[in-house]
C-alpha atoms as a PDB file:
ATOM      1  CA  MET A   1      67.170 -19.279-104.575  1.00  0.00           C
ATOM      2  CA  PRO A   2      69.049 -16.859-106.905  1.00  0.00           C
ATOM      3  CA  LEU A   3      72.666 -17.721-107.750  1.00  0.00           C
ATOM      4  CA  VAL A   4      74.121 -14.676-105.974  1.00  0.00           C
ATOM      5  CA  GLU A   5      72.187 -15.535-102.819  1.00  0.00           C
ATOM      6  CA  LYS A   6      73.455 -19.125-103.005  1.00  0.00           C
ATOM      7  CA  ILE A   7      77.056 -17.915-103.281  1.00  0.00           C
ATOM      8  CA  ILE A   8      76.690 -15.578-100.291  1.00  0.00           C
ATOM      9  CA  GLU A   9      75.008 -18.292 -98.224  1.00  0.00           C
ATOM     10  CA  THR A  10      77.750 -20.776 -99.146  1.00  0.00           C
ATOM     11  CA  TYR A  11      80.480 -18.341 -98.089  1.00  0.00           C
ATOM     12  CA  ASP A  12      78.747 -17.610 -94.765  1.00  0.00           C
ATOM     13  CA  ARG A  13      78.339 -21.313 -94.004  1.00  0.00           C
ATOM     14  CA  PHE A  14      81.960 -22.029 -95.011  1.00  0.00           C
ATOM     15  CA  THR A  15      83.307 -19.440 -92.574  1.00  0.00           C
ATOM     16  CA  GLN A  16      81.243 -21.016 -89.789  1.00  0.00           C
ATOM     17  CA  GLU A  17      81.337 -24.755 -90.518  1.00  0.00           C
ATOM     18  CA  GLY A  18      84.613 -25.314 -92.342  1.00  0.00           C
ATOM     19  CA  LEU A  19      86.002 -27.328 -95.228  1.00  0.00           C
ATOM     20  CA  VAL A  20      84.063 -30.597 -94.802  1.00  0.00           C
ATOM     21  CA  TRP A  21      80.711 -28.843 -95.151  1.00  0.00           C
ATOM     22  CA  PHE A  22      82.025 -26.748 -98.052  1.00  0.00           C
ATOM     23  CA  VAL A  23      83.139 -29.821-100.033  1.00  0.00           C
ATOM     24  CA  SER A  24      79.822 -31.588 -99.391  1.00  0.00           C
ATOM     25  CA  ARG A  25      77.814 -28.515-100.382  1.00  0.00           C
ATOM     26  CA  SER A  26      79.910 -27.912-103.503  1.00  0.00           C
ATOM     27  CA  ALA A  27      79.390 -31.514-104.642  1.00  0.00           C
ATOM     28  CA  LYS A  28      75.630 -31.148-104.197  1.00  0.00           C
ATOM     29  CA  LEU A  29      75.532 -27.877-106.152  1.00  0.00           C
ATOM     30  CA  LEU A  30      77.606 -29.452-108.929  1.00  0.00           C
ATOM     31  CA  ARG A  31      75.217 -32.419-109.196  1.00  0.00           C
ATOM     32  CA  GLU A  32      72.211 -30.105-109.303  1.00  0.00           C
ATOM     33  CA  SER A  33      73.858 -27.945-111.980  1.00  0.00           C
ATOM     34  CA  LEU A  34      74.746 -30.901-114.207  1.00  0.00           C
ATOM     35  CA  CYS A  35      71.487 -32.781-113.650  1.00  0.00           C
ATOM     36  CA  PRO A  36      68.895 -30.521-112.002  1.00  0.00           C
ATOM     37  CA  PRO A  37      65.870 -32.269-110.464  1.00  0.00           C
ATOM     38  CA  TRP A  38      62.337 -31.787-111.721  1.00  0.00           C
ATOM     39  CA  VAL A  39      60.266 -29.448-109.561  1.00  0.00           C
ATOM     40  CA  CYS A  40      56.480 -29.739-109.175  1.00  0.00           C
ATOM     41  CA  LEU A  41      54.505 -26.495-108.931  1.00  0.00           C
ATOM     42  CA  TYR A  42      51.135 -26.494-107.141  1.00  0.00           C
ATOM     43  CA  TRP A  43      48.499 -23.849-106.522  1.00  0.00           C
ATOM     44  CA  LEU A  44      45.584 -23.414-104.131  1.00  0.00           C
ATOM     45  CA  PRO A  45      42.622 -21.009-104.270  1.00  0.00           C
ATOM     46  CA  ILE A  46      42.737 -19.375-100.835  1.00  0.00           C
ATOM     47  CA  ALA A  47      38.931 -19.357-100.673  1.00  0.00           C
ATOM     48  CA  ASP A  48      38.984 -23.178-100.794  1.00  0.00           C
ATOM     49  CA  ALA A  49      41.571 -23.561 -98.040  1.00  0.00           C
ATOM     50  CA  VAL A  50      40.622 -25.472 -94.913  1.00  0.00           C
ATOM     51  CA  ASP A  51      39.140 -23.300 -92.182  1.00  0.00           C
ATOM     52  CA  VAL A  52      38.487 -25.437 -89.112  1.00  0.00           C
ATOM     53  CA  ARG A  53      36.253 -22.752 -87.614  1.00  0.00           C
ATOM     54  CA  THR A  54      33.543 -23.548 -90.167  1.00  0.00           C
ATOM     55  CA  SER A  55      31.647 -26.694 -91.126  1.00  0.00           C
ATOM     56  CA  ASN A  56      32.099 -26.140 -94.867  1.00  0.00           C
ATOM     57  CA  THR A  57      32.395 -29.623 -96.359  1.00  0.00           C
ATOM     58  CA  LYS A  58      33.436 -28.212 -99.743  1.00  0.00           C
ATOM     59  CA  GLN A  59      36.782 -27.031 -98.442  1.00  0.00           C
ATOM     60  CA  ALA A  60      39.888 -28.385-100.134  1.00  0.00           C
ATOM     61  CA  GLY A  61      41.962 -31.014 -98.394  1.00  0.00           C
ATOM     62  CA  SER A  62      41.566 -34.567 -97.192  1.00  0.00           C
ATOM     63  CA  ASN A  63      39.841 -35.652 -93.994  1.00  0.00           C
ATOM     64  CA  LYS A  64      43.258 -36.512 -92.545  1.00  0.00           C
ATOM     65  CA  PHE A  65      44.493 -32.983 -93.225  1.00  0.00           C
ATOM     66  CA  ARG A  66      41.412 -31.452 -91.582  1.00  0.00           C
ATOM     67  CA  GLY A  67      41.898 -33.727 -88.606  1.00  0.00           C
ATOM     68  CA  LEU A  68      45.499 -32.620 -88.108  1.00  0.00           C
ATOM     69  CA  VAL A  69      44.640 -28.938 -88.464  1.00  0.00           C
ATOM     70  CA  SER A  70      41.755 -29.191 -86.018  1.00  0.00           C
ATOM     71  CA  ARG A  71      43.996 -30.475 -83.210  1.00  0.00           C
ATOM     72  CA  PRO A  72      46.927 -28.055 -82.874  1.00  0.00           C
ATOM     73  CA  PRO A  73      49.141 -28.772 -79.852  1.00  0.00           C
ATOM     74  CA  GLU A  74      49.164 -26.385 -76.917  1.00  0.00           C
ATOM     75  CA  GLY A  75      51.573 -23.477 -77.021  1.00  0.00           C
ATOM     76  CA  VAL A  76      51.449 -23.068 -80.822  1.00  0.00           C
ATOM     77  CA  GLU A  77      51.767 -19.496 -82.081  1.00  0.00           C
ATOM     78  CA  LEU A  78      52.380 -18.095 -85.563  1.00  0.00           C
ATOM     79  CA  ARG A  79      54.365 -14.877 -85.835  1.00  0.00           C
ATOM     80  CA  VAL A  80      54.770 -12.871 -89.048  1.00  0.00           C
ATOM     81  CA  PHE A  81      57.860 -10.732 -89.637  1.00  0.00           C
ATOM     82  CA  THR A  82      58.821  -8.294 -92.384  1.00  0.00           C
ATOM     83  CA  ASN A  83      62.082  -7.126 -90.787  1.00  0.00           C
ATOM     84  CA  LEU A  84      64.583  -8.464 -88.271  1.00  0.00           C
ATOM     85  CA  SER A  85      63.987  -5.384 -86.115  1.00  0.00           C
ATOM     86  CA  GLU A  86      60.492  -6.751 -85.352  1.00  0.00           C
ATOM     87  CA  ILE A  87      61.971  -9.835 -83.665  1.00  0.00           C
ATOM     88  CA  ASN A  88      62.672  -9.492 -79.958  1.00  0.00           C
ATOM     89  CA  PRO A  89      65.990 -10.837 -78.564  1.00  0.00           C
ATOM     90  CA  GLN A  90      64.466 -14.068 -77.249  1.00  0.00           C
ATOM     91  CA  GLU A  91      62.748 -14.820 -80.576  1.00  0.00           C
ATOM     92  CA  TYR A  92      65.918 -13.906 -82.475  1.00  0.00           C
ATOM     93  CA  GLN A  93      67.985 -16.373 -80.466  1.00  0.00           C
ATOM     94  CA  ALA A  94      65.347 -19.092 -80.899  1.00  0.00           C
ATOM     95  CA  LEU A  95      65.339 -18.485 -84.668  1.00  0.00           C
ATOM     96  CA  LYS A  96      69.136 -18.548 -84.813  1.00  0.00           C
ATOM     97  CA  ASP A  97      69.255 -21.787 -82.806  1.00  0.00           C
ATOM     98  CA  SER A  98      66.796 -23.402 -85.215  1.00  0.00           C
ATOM     99  CA  VAL A  99      68.006 -22.313 -88.664  1.00  0.00           C
ATOM    100  CA  GLY A 100      71.669 -21.583 -87.931  1.00  0.00           C
ATOM    101  CA  GLY A 101      73.458 -18.270 -87.785  1.00  0.00           C
ATOM    102  CA  SER A 102      74.363 -18.285 -91.482  1.00  0.00           C
ATOM    103  CA  ASP A 103      70.687 -18.105 -92.516  1.00  0.00           C
ATOM    104  CA  ILE A 104      70.012 -14.866 -90.626  1.00  0.00           C
ATOM    105  CA  PRO A 105      71.692 -12.649 -93.290  1.00  0.00           C
ATOM    106  CA  VAL A 106      69.648 -14.503 -95.931  1.00  0.00           C
ATOM    107  CA  TYR A 107      66.430 -13.511 -94.157  1.00  0.00           C
ATOM    108  CA  GLN A 108      67.601  -9.907 -93.910  1.00  0.00           C
ATOM    109  CA  ARG A 109      68.304  -9.747 -97.650  1.00  0.00           C
ATOM    110  CA  ARG A 110      64.914 -11.246 -98.387  1.00  0.00           C
ATOM    111  CA  PHE A 111      63.193  -8.757 -96.095  1.00  0.00           C
ATOM    112  CA  SER A 112      64.723  -5.963 -98.184  1.00  0.00           C
ATOM    113  CA  GLN A 113      63.100  -7.592-101.241  1.00  0.00           C
ATOM    114  CA  GLY A 114      59.619  -7.595 -99.693  1.00  0.00           C
ATOM    115  CA  VAL A 115      59.585 -11.226 -98.514  1.00  0.00           C
ATOM    116  CA  GLU A 116      57.442 -12.047 -95.476  1.00  0.00           C
ATOM    117  CA  LEU A 117      58.686 -14.595 -92.915  1.00  0.00           C
ATOM    118  CA  HIS A 118      56.230 -16.774 -90.993  1.00  0.00           C
ATOM    119  CA  VAL A 119      57.648 -18.452 -87.894  1.00  0.00           C
ATOM    120  CA  LEU A 120      55.845 -21.187 -85.968  1.00  0.00           C
ATOM    121  CA  PHE A 121      56.616 -21.107 -82.249  1.00  0.00           C
ATOM    122  CA  ILE A 122      55.838 -23.820 -79.715  1.00  0.00           C
ATOM    123  CA  ASP A 123      56.404 -22.717 -76.133  1.00  0.00           C
ATOM    124  CA  GLN A 124      58.657 -19.913 -77.432  1.00  0.00           C
ATOM    125  CA  LYS A 125      60.836 -22.347 -79.407  1.00  0.00           C
ATOM    126  CA  VAL A 126      60.994 -22.170 -83.216  1.00  0.00           C
ATOM    127  CA  ALA A 127      59.243 -25.202 -84.692  1.00  0.00           C
ATOM    128  CA  GLY A 128      59.231 -24.092 -88.331  1.00  0.00           C
ATOM    129  CA  THR A 129      59.776 -21.309 -90.847  1.00  0.00           C
ATOM    130  CA  LEU A 130      58.045 -20.459 -94.125  1.00  0.00           C
ATOM    131  CA  SER A 131      58.622 -17.452 -96.386  1.00  0.00           C
ATOM    132  CA  PHE A 132      56.206 -15.777 -98.801  1.00  0.00           C
ATOM    133  CA  VAL A 133      56.854 -13.488-101.741  1.00  0.00           C
ATOM    134  CA  PHE A 134      54.005 -11.549-103.316  1.00  0.00           C
ATOM    135  CA  GLY A 135      53.148 -11.080-106.969  1.00  0.00           C
ATOM    136  CA  LYS A 136      53.031  -7.295-106.784  1.00  0.00           C
ATOM    137  CA  ILE A 137      56.667  -7.290-105.625  1.00  0.00           C
ATOM    138  CA  HIS A 138      58.395 -10.182-107.368  1.00  0.00           C
ATOM    139  CA  ARG A 139      58.021 -11.750-110.812  1.00  0.00           C
ATOM    140  CA  PHE A 140      58.930 -15.343-111.666  1.00  0.00           C
ATOM    141  CA  GLN A 141      59.845 -16.782-115.047  1.00  0.00           C
ATOM    142  CA  HIS A 142      57.918 -20.034-114.679  1.00  0.00           C
ATOM    143  CA  VAL A 143      54.601 -18.645-113.412  1.00  0.00           C
ATOM    144  CA  VAL A 144      52.828 -15.298-113.741  1.00  0.00           C
ATOM    145  CA  LEU A 145      51.667 -13.932-110.395  1.00  0.00           C
ATOM    146  CA  THR A 146      49.094 -11.179-110.033  1.00  0.00           C
ATOM    147  CA  ASP A 147      48.907  -8.669-107.197  1.00  0.00           C
ATOM    148  CA  ARG A 148      46.556 -11.089-105.403  1.00  0.00           C
ATOM    149  CA  ASP A 149      48.961 -14.048-105.561  1.00  0.00           C
ATOM    150  CA  ALA A 150      51.695 -15.318-103.234  1.00  0.00           C
ATOM    151  CA  MET A 151      54.486 -17.861-103.645  1.00  0.00           C
ATOM    152  CA  ALA A 152      55.661 -19.921-100.662  1.00  0.00           C
ATOM    153  CA  LEU A 153      59.412 -20.451-100.299  1.00  0.00           C
ATOM    154  CA  ASP A 154      61.621 -22.761 -98.252  1.00  0.00           C
ATOM    155  CA  GLY A 155      59.100 -24.284 -95.868  1.00  0.00           C
ATOM    156  CA  ARG A 156      60.767 -26.252 -93.084  1.00  0.00           C
ATOM    157  CA  ILE A 157      59.979 -27.887 -89.770  1.00  0.00           C
ATOM    158  CA  ASP A 158      62.752 -28.005 -87.192  1.00  0.00           C
ATOM    159  CA  PRO A 159      64.129 -31.579 -86.923  1.00  0.00           C
ATOM    160  CA  LYS A 160      63.138 -31.735 -83.242  1.00  0.00           C
ATOM    161  CA  TYR A 161      59.467 -31.258 -84.172  1.00  0.00           C
ATOM    162  CA  ARG A 162      59.185 -33.454 -87.257  1.00  0.00           C
ATOM    163  CA  GLY A 163      56.891 -36.453 -87.369  1.00  0.00           C
ATOM    164  CA  HIS A 164      54.090 -34.811 -85.366  1.00  0.00           C
ATOM    165  CA  GLY A 165      51.922 -33.454 -88.186  1.00  0.00           C
ATOM    166  CA  LEU A 166      52.923 -29.833 -87.596  1.00  0.00           C
ATOM    167  CA  TYR A 167      53.367 -28.764 -91.223  1.00  0.00           C
ATOM    168  CA  PRO A 168      49.626 -28.896 -92.076  1.00  0.00           C
ATOM    169  CA  ILE A 169      48.924 -26.786 -88.980  1.00  0.00           C
ATOM    170  CA  PHE A 170      51.678 -24.345 -89.943  1.00  0.00           C
ATOM    171  CA  LEU A 171      50.392 -24.107 -93.510  1.00  0.00           C
ATOM    172  CA  SER A 172      46.804 -23.574 -92.379  1.00  0.00           C
ATOM    173  CA  LEU A 173      47.756 -20.771 -89.975  1.00  0.00           C
ATOM    174  CA  SER A 174      49.835 -19.061 -92.668  1.00  0.00           C
ATOM    175  CA  ILE A 175      47.023 -19.310 -95.211  1.00  0.00           C
ATOM    176  CA  GLU A 176      44.706 -17.577 -92.740  1.00  0.00           C
ATOM    177  CA  LYS A 177      47.197 -14.685 -92.520  1.00  0.00           C
ATOM    178  CA  LEU A 178      47.408 -14.506 -96.316  1.00  0.00           C
ATOM    179  CA  LYS A 179      43.626 -14.442 -96.552  1.00  0.00           C
ATOM    180  CA  GLN A 180      43.508 -11.477 -94.168  1.00  0.00           C
ATOM    181  CA  ARG A 181      45.784  -9.457 -96.451  1.00  0.00           C
ATOM    182  CA  GLY A 182      43.662 -10.176 -99.520  1.00  0.00           C
ATOM    183  CA  ILE A 183      45.680 -12.938-101.191  1.00  0.00           C
ATOM    184  CA  GLU A 184      43.489 -15.100-103.442  1.00  0.00           C
ATOM    185  CA  ARG A 185      45.894 -17.750-104.781  1.00  0.00           C
ATOM    186  CA  LEU A 186      48.876 -19.465-103.177  1.00  0.00           C
ATOM    187  CA  PHE A 187      51.602 -21.192-105.197  1.00  0.00           C
ATOM    188  CA  ILE A 188      54.163 -23.607-103.811  1.00  0.00           C
ATOM    189  CA  ASP A 189      56.722 -25.934-105.346  1.00  0.00           C
ATOM    190  CA  THR A 190      58.886 -28.828-104.252  1.00  0.00           C
ATOM    191  CA  ASN A 191      61.363 -31.321-105.638  1.00  0.00           C
ATOM    192  CA  GLU A 192      59.676 -34.163-107.517  1.00  0.00           C
ATOM    193  CA  ASN A 193      61.582 -36.655-105.351  1.00  0.00           C
ATOM    194  CA  ASN A 194      60.315 -35.143-102.092  1.00  0.00           C
ATOM    195  CA  GLU A 195      57.475 -37.619-101.681  1.00  0.00           C
ATOM    196  CA  ALA A 196      56.466 -36.401 -98.213  1.00  0.00           C
ATOM    197  CA  ALA A 197      56.043 -32.797 -99.386  1.00  0.00           C
ATOM    198  CA  ASN A 198      54.134 -33.819-102.512  1.00  0.00           C
ATOM    199  CA  ARG A 199      51.743 -35.914-100.404  1.00  0.00           C
ATOM    200  CA  SER A 200      51.293 -33.061 -97.932  1.00  0.00           C
ATOM    201  CA  TYR A 201      50.345 -30.546-100.610  1.00  0.00           C
ATOM    202  CA  ALA A 202      47.930 -32.958-102.259  1.00  0.00           C
ATOM    203  CA  SER A 203      46.384 -33.672 -98.854  1.00  0.00           C
ATOM    204  CA  ALA A 204      46.008 -29.929 -98.228  1.00  0.00           C
ATOM    205  CA  GLY A 205      44.066 -29.539-101.473  1.00  0.00           C
ATOM    206  CA  PHE A 206      46.777 -28.000-103.647  1.00  0.00           C
ATOM    207  CA  ARG A 207      46.323 -28.597-107.373  1.00  0.00           C
ATOM    208  CA  PHE A 208      49.174 -29.662-109.633  1.00  0.00           C
ATOM    209  CA  LEU A 209      50.011 -26.985-112.209  1.00  0.00           C
ATOM    210  CA  LEU A 210      53.245 -27.896-113.994  1.00  0.00           C
ATOM    211  CA  LYS A 211      56.675 -29.498-113.704  1.00  0.00           C
ATOM    212  CA  TYR A 212      59.924 -27.709-114.505  1.00  0.00           C
ATOM    213  CA  LYS A 213      63.661 -27.723-113.967  1.00  0.00           C
ATOM    214  CA  THR A 214      66.302 -25.031-114.138  1.00  0.00           C
ATOM    215  CA  GLY A 215      69.860 -25.131-115.353  1.00  0.00           C
ATOM    216  CA  TRP A 216      72.358 -22.521-116.505  1.00  0.00           C
ATOM    217  CA  GLY A 217      69.807 -19.767-115.926  1.00  0.00           C
ATOM    218  CA  ARG A 218      67.148 -21.349-118.163  1.00  0.00           C
ATOM    219  CA  TYR A 219      63.795 -22.977-117.448  1.00  0.00           C
ATOM    220  CA  ARG A 220      62.771 -26.264-119.022  1.00  0.00           C
ATOM    221  CA  PHE A 221      59.194 -27.539-118.768  1.00  0.00           C
ATOM    222  CA  ASP A 222      57.898 -31.096-118.849  1.00  0.00           C
ATOM    223  CA  ARG A 223      55.172 -30.692-121.453  1.00  0.00           C
ATOM    224  CA  LYS A 224      53.842 -34.204-120.783  1.00  0.00           C
ATOM    225  CA  ALA A 225      52.990 -33.151-117.221  1.00  0.00           C
ATOM    226  CA  ILE A 226      51.250 -29.879-118.123  1.00  0.00           C
END
């Protein structure tokens, strides 16, 4: 997340949640600035992604991942948004209840930058959110994206729905949408210490690309991991 966006988000949350949250958040940002964590970057050829409608045994991903994706719970629906005006009042309230009111302006700013928001609904309740930015719109310093590439940002499952294997289903449904719009490669990154996320991406067939960290506006790469 860019520094300016972090500052705006912090101010919005402070006005809503008060001093205790602000102090906690400031301490976390200070720790990350002084000693930023390593981040692992993965990529996946979209053509190799799991498609449960076929019997292709050469698809990427473990048997466990395929099993989870093949048994989505009832009432699951993926919606794709490119502007807040596309969200009806009921969906808007469900999104606000899930992510918090302070994140809504963040989504609006990202929409203006060409970011696409995928929202997983279960029985009209928000179970997860995942954003995508496309190579033809946005350029990154640590990886070169082409017009056929996408980068996933800030994937989350609502706390009420965690522990039920929903993220693989969410990821699979989103990849199908990306495939329909002609995306050929998907990139995604996560904190090195986030063991659950790293296992999930490996299980889904993502391939490790590199490890990096940022600090004071500069990128540093772990050459031993490349």
